[in-house]
Amino acid sequence: MTSQDYKTVLYRQEDGSWVAEIPAIPGCYALMESRDSALAELTQVFIMIANEGHTEGQAPSS
């Protein structure tokens, strides 16, 4: 799965910064100065969270 498989919410804050988030995944959000930067950073956050979940699901090595 990729971040494209999830609903993404994008909104602008009062200070002009942009937030992009995937509400279905706790902690999967990005706060950046521009809309495009927020979306690009969200993709990186999604990958990081996905990789952490994959690592946690692996059997510990001995």
Protein backbone atom coordinates (compact mmCIF):
# COMPACT_ATOMS: atom_id res chain seq x y z
CA MET A 1 0.00 0.00 0.00
CA THR A 2 1.01 3.59 -0.56
CA SER A 3 -0.17 6.90 0.86
CA GLN A 4 -2.29 7.23 -2.31
CA ASP A 5 -4.48 4.39 -1.00
CA TYR A 6 -5.65 6.55 1.94
CA LYS A 7 -7.80 9.64 2.20
CA THR A 8 -5.59 12.70 2.64
CA VAL A 9 -6.83 15.86 4.34
CA LEU A 10 -5.11 19.14 3.48
CA TYR A 11 -5.81 22.47 5.14
CA ARG A 12 -4.24 25.85 5.74
CA GLN A 13 -3.72 27.19 9.26
CA GLU A 14 -4.24 30.76 10.38
CA ASP A 15 -0.51 31.45 10.26
CA GLY A 16 -0.41 30.45 6.58
CA SER A 17 1.27 27.07 7.05
CA TRP A 18 -0.21 23.92 5.53
CA VAL A 19 -1.13 20.64 7.20
CA ALA A 20 -1.46 17.39 5.27
CA GLU A 21 -2.62 14.32 7.15
CA ILE A 22 -3.94 10.81 6.74
CA PRO A 23 -6.59 10.59 9.48
CA ALA A 24 -6.72 6.77 9.35
CA ILE A 25 -3.10 6.52 10.54
CA PRO A 26 -2.30 8.04 13.95
CA GLY A 27 0.64 10.43 13.77
CA CYS A 28 0.69 10.54 9.97
CA TYR A 29 0.75 14.26 9.28
CA ALA A 30 3.06 16.99 8.04
CA LEU A 31 3.16 20.72 8.77
CA MET A 32 5.03 22.80 6.20
CA GLU A 33 5.18 26.29 4.72
CA SER A 34 3.61 25.35 1.37
CA ARG A 35 0.91 22.98 0.17
CA ASP A 36 3.31 21.05 -2.07
CA SER A 37 5.90 20.74 0.69
CA ALA A 38 3.28 19.41 3.12
CA LEU A 39 2.16 16.75 0.64
CA ALA A 40 5.74 15.73 -0.14
CA GLU A 41 6.61 15.50 3.55
CA LEU A 42 3.43 13.49 4.23
CA THR A 43 4.63 10.88 1.75
CA GLN A 44 7.93 10.61 3.65
CA VAL A 45 6.14 10.36 7.01
CA PHE A 46 3.89 7.62 5.60
CA ILE A 47 6.93 5.64 4.42
CA MET A 48 8.62 6.03 7.80
CA ILE A 49 5.51 4.82 9.67
CA ALA A 50 5.05 1.91 7.24
CA ASN A 51 8.69 0.87 7.69
CA GLU A 52 8.38 1.02 11.49
CA GLY A 53 5.31 -1.19 11.38
CA HIS A 54 7.09 -3.69 9.13
CA THR A 55 10.08 -3.79 11.48
CA GLU A 56 7.90 -4.23 14.58
CA GLY A 57 6.05 -7.11 12.92
CA GLN A 58 9.23 -9.08 12.27
CA ALA A 59 10.41 -11.81 14.56
CA PRO A 60 13.34 -10.71 16.73
CA SER A 61 16.71 -12.00 15.61
CA SER A 62 18.73 -14.13 18.01
